[in-house]
Amino acid sequence: MRLGIGRTGVAILVALFVILGAEDVYVWAVAGTVPGVEFFLALVFVLAVVFVAIREARAHPPSR
């Protein structure tokens, strides 16, 4: 499966997933309740926006 974002793009998405997932775990540990659906939807939304941004940046590099 080709995503069109390259290895660096995949690394950025994985790093964001880990950071935002760790934030959810931190909220769970501090508050004592599992974060709601809105936290999960925000995570998916952020990853989707970054994915599209990386793909568009690779498709249209700046002129030199």
PDB file of N, CA and C in Angstrom:
ATOM      1  N   MET A   1       0.847  -1.174   0.000  1.00  0.00           N
ATOM      2  CA  MET A   1       0.000   0.000   0.000  1.00  0.00           C
ATOM      3  C   MET A   1       0.896   1.241   0.000  1.00  0.00           C
ATOM      4  N   ARG A   2       0.693   2.102  -0.971  1.00  0.00           N
ATOM      5  CA  ARG A   2       1.490   3.325  -1.089  1.00  0.00           C
ATOM      6  C   ARG A   2       0.676   4.490  -0.561  1.00  0.00           C
ATOM      7  N   LEU A   3       1.251   5.191   0.407  1.00  0.00           N
ATOM      8  CA  LEU A   3       0.565   6.340   0.996  1.00  0.00           C
ATOM      9  C   LEU A   3       0.944   7.651   0.321  1.00  0.00           C
ATOM     10  N   GLY A   4       2.115   7.691  -0.303  1.00  0.00           N
ATOM     11  CA  GLY A   4       2.553   8.894  -0.968  1.00  0.00           C
ATOM     12  C   GLY A   4       3.103   9.953  -0.029  1.00  0.00           C
ATOM     13  N   ILE A   5       3.529   9.535   1.171  1.00  0.00           N
ATOM     14  CA  ILE A   5       4.073  10.517   2.112  1.00  0.00           C
ATOM     15  C   ILE A   5       5.517  10.213   2.494  1.00  0.00           C
ATOM     16  N   GLY A   6       6.064   9.123   2.020  1.00  0.00           N
ATOM     17  CA  GLY A   6       7.457   8.780   2.277  1.00  0.00           C
ATOM     18  C   GLY A   6       7.713   8.303   3.702  1.00  0.00           C
ATOM     19  N   ARG A   7       8.945   7.894   3.927  1.00  0.00           N
ATOM     20  CA  ARG A   7       9.330   7.387   5.249  1.00  0.00           C
ATOM     21  C   ARG A   7       9.280   8.470   6.309  1.00  0.00           C
ATOM     22  N   THR A   8       9.709   9.675   5.937  1.00  0.00           N
ATOM     23  CA  THR A   8       9.699  10.773   6.896  1.00  0.00           C
ATOM     24  C   THR A   8       8.268  11.112   7.306  1.00  0.00           C
ATOM     25  N   GLY A   9       7.364  11.105   6.349  1.00  0.00           N
ATOM     26  CA  GLY A   9       5.961  11.370   6.653  1.00  0.00           C
ATOM     27  C   GLY A   9       5.378  10.328   7.586  1.00  0.00           C
ATOM     28  N   VAL A  10       5.703   9.076   7.329  1.00  0.00           N
ATOM     29  CA  VAL A  10       5.223   8.008   8.217  1.00  0.00           C
ATOM     30  C   VAL A  10       5.804   8.179   9.617  1.00  0.00           C
ATOM     31  N   ALA A  11       7.088   8.541   9.696  1.00  0.00           N
ATOM     32  CA  ALA A  11       7.717   8.755  10.999  1.00  0.00           C
ATOM     33  C   ALA A  11       7.047   9.905  11.750  1.00  0.00           C
ATOM     34  N   ILE A  12       6.704  10.973  11.031  1.00  0.00           N
ATOM     35  CA  ILE A  12       6.017  12.105  11.666  1.00  0.00           C
ATOM     36  C   ILE A  12       4.649  11.677  12.188  1.00  0.00           C
ATOM     37  N   LEU A  13       3.897  10.921  11.394  1.00  0.00           N
ATOM     38  CA  LEU A  13       2.580  10.460  11.832  1.00  0.00           C
ATOM     39  C   LEU A  13       2.676   9.524  13.031  1.00  0.00           C
ATOM     40  N   VAL A  14       3.654   8.629  13.021  1.00  0.00           N
ATOM     41  CA  VAL A  14       3.830   7.717  14.155  1.00  0.00           C
ATOM     42  C   VAL A  14       4.204   8.501  15.410  1.00  0.00           C
ATOM     43  N   ALA A  15       5.100   9.479  15.272  1.00  0.00           N
ATOM     44  CA  ALA A  15       5.493  10.295  16.421  1.00  0.00           C
ATOM     45  C   ALA A  15       4.289  11.064  16.976  1.00  0.00           C
ATOM     46  N   LEU A  16       3.484  11.642  16.098  1.00  0.00           N
ATOM     47  CA  LEU A  16       2.286  12.346  16.558  1.00  0.00           C
ATOM     48  C   LEU A  16       1.319  11.401  17.258  1.00  0.00           C
ATOM     49  N   PHE A  17       1.148  10.202  16.704  1.00  0.00           N
ATOM     50  CA  PHE A  17       0.255   9.224  17.323  1.00  0.00           C
ATOM     51  C   PHE A  17       0.734   8.858  18.724  1.00  0.00           C
ATOM     52  N   VAL A  18       2.041   8.663  18.870  1.00  0.00           N
ATOM     53  CA  VAL A  18       2.598   8.308  20.183  1.00  0.00           C
ATOM     54  C   VAL A  18       2.423   9.463  21.170  1.00  0.00           C
ATOM     55  N   ILE A  19       2.719  10.687  20.734  1.00  0.00           N
ATOM     56  CA  ILE A  19       2.604  11.840  21.628  1.00  0.00           C
ATOM     57  C   ILE A  19       1.154  12.052  22.058  1.00  0.00           C
ATOM     58  N   LEU A  20       0.238  12.057  21.090  1.00  0.00           N
ATOM     59  CA  LEU A  20      -1.169  12.289  21.431  1.00  0.00           C
ATOM     60  C   LEU A  20      -1.758  11.110  22.208  1.00  0.00           C
ATOM     61  N   GLY A  21      -1.312   9.900  21.901  1.00  0.00           N
ATOM     62  CA  GLY A  21      -1.758   8.738  22.676  1.00  0.00           C
ATOM     63  C   GLY A  21      -1.258   8.798  24.108  1.00  0.00           C
ATOM     64  N   ALA A  22      -0.007   9.244  24.285  1.00  0.00           N
ATOM     65  CA  ALA A  22       0.538   9.389  25.640  1.00  0.00           C
ATOM     66  C   ALA A  22      -0.236  10.453  26.416  1.00  0.00           C
ATOM     67  N   GLU A  23      -0.666  11.498  25.720  1.00  0.00           N
ATOM     68  CA  GLU A  23      -1.471  12.532  26.378  1.00  0.00           C
ATOM     69  C   GLU A  23      -2.789  11.945  26.874  1.00  0.00           C
ATOM     70  N   ASP A  24      -3.422  11.100  26.067  1.00  0.00           N
ATOM     71  CA  ASP A  24      -4.669  10.455  26.487  1.00  0.00           C
ATOM     72  C   ASP A  24      -4.441   9.559  27.701  1.00  0.00           C
ATOM     73  N   VAL A  25      -3.337   8.824  27.694  1.00  0.00           N
ATOM     74  CA  VAL A  25      -3.019   7.961  28.832  1.00  0.00           C
ATOM     75  C   VAL A  25      -2.767   8.810  30.076  1.00  0.00           C
ATOM     76  N   TYR A  26      -2.100   9.948  29.905  1.00  0.00           N
ATOM     77  CA  TYR A  26      -1.851  10.853  31.037  1.00  0.00           C
ATOM     78  C   TYR A  26      -3.169  11.383  31.606  1.00  0.00           C
ATOM     79  N   VAL A  27      -4.078  11.790  30.739  1.00  0.00           N
ATOM     80  CA  VAL A  27      -5.390  12.266  31.199  1.00  0.00           C
ATOM     81  C   VAL A  27      -6.106  11.155  31.941  1.00  0.00           C
ATOM     82  N   TRP A  28      -6.011   9.943  31.434  1.00  0.00           N
ATOM     83  CA  TRP A  28      -6.653   8.798  32.072  1.00  0.00           C
ATOM     84  C   TRP A  28      -6.048   8.567  33.455  1.00  0.00           C
ATOM     85  N   ALA A  29      -4.720   8.655  33.571  1.00  0.00           N
ATOM     86  CA  ALA A  29      -4.052   8.411  34.845  1.00  0.00           C
ATOM     87  C   ALA A  29      -4.367   9.500  35.870  1.00  0.00           C
ATOM     88  N   VAL A  30      -4.413  10.743  35.433  1.00  0.00           N
ATOM     89  CA  VAL A  30      -4.637  11.859  36.360  1.00  0.00           C
ATOM     90  C   VAL A  30      -6.107  11.971  36.750  1.00  0.00           C
ATOM     91  N   ALA A  31      -6.990  11.898  35.770  1.00  0.00           N
ATOM     92  CA  ALA A  31      -8.415  12.090  36.034  1.00  0.00           C
ATOM     93  C   ALA A  31      -9.082  10.823  36.566  1.00  0.00           C
ATOM     94  N   GLY A  32      -8.517   9.673  36.260  1.00  0.00           N
ATOM     95  CA  GLY A  32      -9.101   8.421  36.722  1.00  0.00           C
ATOM     96  C   GLY A  32     -10.221   7.914  35.836  1.00  0.00           C
ATOM     97  N   THR A  33     -10.497   8.620  34.741  1.00  0.00           N
ATOM     98  CA  THR A  33     -11.524   8.172  33.804  1.00  0.00           C
ATOM     99  C   THR A  33     -10.916   8.108  32.409  1.00  0.00           C
ATOM    100  N   VAL A  34     -11.449   7.231  31.623  1.00  0.00           N
ATOM    101  CA  VAL A  34     -10.971   7.090  30.243  1.00  0.00           C
ATOM    102  C   VAL A  34     -11.430   8.310  29.451  1.00  0.00           C
ATOM    103  N   PRO A  35     -10.513   8.933  28.673  1.00  0.00           N
ATOM    104  CA  PRO A  35     -10.921  10.077  27.856  1.00  0.00           C
ATOM    105  C   PRO A  35     -12.059   9.704  26.912  1.00  0.00           C
ATOM    106  N   GLY A  36     -12.924  10.646  26.665  1.00  0.00           N
ATOM    107  CA  GLY A  36     -14.108  10.390  25.852  1.00  0.00           C
ATOM    108  C   GLY A  36     -13.811  10.229  24.379  1.00  0.00           C
ATOM    109  N   VAL A  37     -14.849  10.028  23.641  1.00  0.00           N
ATOM    110  CA  VAL A  37     -14.758   9.829  22.201  1.00  0.00           C
ATOM    111  C   VAL A  37     -14.159  11.057  21.525  1.00  0.00           C
ATOM    112  N   GLU A  38     -14.420  12.245  22.087  1.00  0.00           N
ATOM    113  CA  GLU A  38     -13.903  13.458  21.444  1.00  0.00           C
ATOM    114  C   GLU A  38     -12.376  13.490  21.416  1.00  0.00           C
ATOM    115  N   PHE A  39     -11.710  12.898  22.410  1.00  0.00           N
ATOM    116  CA  PHE A  39     -10.254  12.820  22.396  1.00  0.00           C
ATOM    117  C   PHE A  39      -9.790  11.929  21.243  1.00  0.00           C
ATOM    118  N   PHE A  40     -10.465  10.804  21.059  1.00  0.00           N
ATOM    119  CA  PHE A  40     -10.114   9.905  19.967  1.00  0.00           C
ATOM    120  C   PHE A  40     -10.380  10.558  18.615  1.00  0.00           C
ATOM    121  N   LEU A  41     -11.518  11.234  18.492  1.00  0.00           N
ATOM    122  CA  LEU A  41     -11.834  11.911  17.236  1.00  0.00           C
ATOM    123  C   LEU A  41     -10.842  13.030  16.944  1.00  0.00           C
ATOM    124  N   ALA A  42     -10.410  13.744  17.980  1.00  0.00           N
ATOM    125  CA  ALA A  42      -9.406  14.793  17.797  1.00  0.00           C
ATOM    126  C   ALA A  42      -8.092  14.185  17.310  1.00  0.00           C
ATOM    127  N   LEU A  43      -7.700  13.047  17.872  1.00  0.00           N
ATOM    128  CA  LEU A  43      -6.482  12.363  17.446  1.00  0.00           C
ATOM    129  C   LEU A  43      -6.571  11.986  15.967  1.00  0.00           C
ATOM    130  N   VAL A  44      -7.676  11.399  15.565  1.00  0.00           N
ATOM    131  CA  VAL A  44      -7.863  10.989  14.174  1.00  0.00           C
ATOM    132  C   VAL A  44      -7.879  12.218  13.266  1.00  0.00           C
ATOM    133  N   PHE A  45      -8.540  13.297  13.690  1.00  0.00           N
ATOM    134  CA  PHE A  45      -8.610  14.517  12.890  1.00  0.00           C
ATOM    135  C   PHE A  45      -7.221  15.121  12.688  1.00  0.00           C
ATOM    136  N   VAL A  46      -6.441  15.207  13.754  1.00  0.00           N
ATOM    137  CA  VAL A  46      -5.087  15.767  13.661  1.00  0.00           C
ATOM    138  C   VAL A  46      -4.223  14.926  12.728  1.00  0.00           C
ATOM    139  N   LEU A  47      -4.275  13.610  12.875  1.00  0.00           N
ATOM    140  CA  LEU A  47      -3.488  12.735  12.006  1.00  0.00           C
ATOM    141  C   LEU A  47      -3.920  12.865  10.543  1.00  0.00           C
ATOM    142  N   ALA A  48      -5.221  12.997  10.294  1.00  0.00           N
ATOM    143  CA  ALA A  48      -5.703  13.149   8.923  1.00  0.00           C
ATOM    144  C   ALA A  48      -5.236  14.473   8.313  1.00  0.00           C
ATOM    145  N   VAL A  49      -5.303  15.540   9.081  1.00  0.00           N
ATOM    146  CA  VAL A  49      -4.869  16.850   8.576  1.00  0.00           C
ATOM    147  C   VAL A  49      -3.373  16.834   8.267  1.00  0.00           C
ATOM    148  N   VAL A  50      -2.581  16.252   9.157  1.00  0.00           N
ATOM    149  CA  VAL A  50      -1.138  16.191   8.940  1.00  0.00           C
ATOM    150  C   VAL A  50      -0.822  15.297   7.745  1.00  0.00           C
ATOM    151  N   PHE A  51      -1.532  14.193   7.597  1.00  0.00           N
ATOM    152  CA  PHE A  51      -1.336  13.301   6.453  1.00  0.00           C
ATOM    153  C   PHE A  51      -1.577  14.044   5.144  1.00  0.00           C
ATOM    154  N   VAL A  52      -2.689  14.763   5.051  1.00  0.00           N
ATOM    155  CA  VAL A  52      -3.007  15.507   3.832  1.00  0.00           C
ATOM    156  C   VAL A  52      -1.970  16.600   3.590  1.00  0.00           C
ATOM    157  N   ALA A  53      -1.547  17.283   4.645  1.00  0.00           N
ATOM    158  CA  ALA A  53      -0.552  18.349   4.503  1.00  0.00           C
ATOM    159  C   ALA A  53       0.775  17.796   3.984  1.00  0.00           C
ATOM    160  N   ILE A  54       1.208  16.666   4.507  1.00  0.00           N
ATOM    161  CA  ILE A  54       2.471  16.057   4.057  1.00  0.00           C
ATOM    162  C   ILE A  54       2.347  15.617   2.604  1.00  0.00           C
ATOM    163  N   ARG A  55       1.227  14.991   2.264  1.00  0.00           N
ATOM    164  CA  ARG A  55       1.040  14.519   0.889  1.00  0.00           C
ATOM    165  C   ARG A  55       1.011  15.689  -0.098  1.00  0.00           C
ATOM    166  N   GLU A  56       0.332  16.761   0.259  1.00  0.00           N
ATOM    167  CA  GLU A  56       0.281  17.933  -0.618  1.00  0.00           C
ATOM    168  C   GLU A  56       1.651  18.604  -0.725  1.00  0.00           C
ATOM    169  N   ALA A  57       2.390  18.648   0.369  1.00  0.00           N
ATOM    170  CA  ALA A  57       3.718  19.251   0.336  1.00  0.00           C
ATOM    171  C   ALA A  57       4.669  18.444  -0.555  1.00  0.00           C
ATOM    172  N   ARG A  58       4.537  17.134  -0.523  1.00  0.00           N
ATOM    173  CA  ARG A  58       5.368  16.294  -1.389  1.00  0.00           C
ATOM    174  C   ARG A  58       4.929  16.398  -2.850  1.00  0.00           C
ATOM    175  N   ALA A  59       3.646  16.590  -3.090  1.00  0.00           N
ATOM    176  CA  ALA A  59       3.149  16.681  -4.461  1.00  0.00           C
ATOM    177  C   ALA A  59       3.480  18.023  -5.109  1.00  0.00           C
ATOM    178  N   HIS A  60       3.602  19.057  -4.286  1.00  0.00           N
ATOM    179  CA  HIS A  60       3.844  20.409  -4.805  1.00  0.00           C
ATOM    180  C   HIS A  60       5.019  21.040  -4.067  1.00  0.00           C
ATOM    181  N   PRO A  61       6.249  20.604  -4.356  1.00  0.00           N
ATOM    182  CA  PRO A  61       7.400  21.187  -3.666  1.00  0.00           C
ATOM    183  C   PRO A  61       7.596  22.642  -4.090  1.00  0.00           C
ATOM    184  N   PRO A  62       8.239  23.441  -3.242  1.00  0.00           N
ATOM    185  CA  PRO A  62       8.458  24.844  -3.604  1.00  0.00           C
ATOM    186  C   PRO A  62       9.409  24.960  -4.804  1.00  0.00           C
ATOM    187  N   SER A  63       9.191  25.985  -5.601  1.00  0.00           N
ATOM    188  CA  SER A  63      10.054  26.174  -6.766  1.00  0.00           C
ATOM    189  C   SER A  63      11.407  26.692  -6.319  1.00  0.00           C
ATOM    190  N   ARG A  64      12.430  26.383  -7.105  1.00  0.00           N
ATOM    191  CA  ARG A  64      13.790  26.799  -6.741  1.00  0.00           C
ATOM    192  C   ARG A  64      14.282  27.858  -7.652  1.00  0.00           C
TER     193      ARG A  64
END
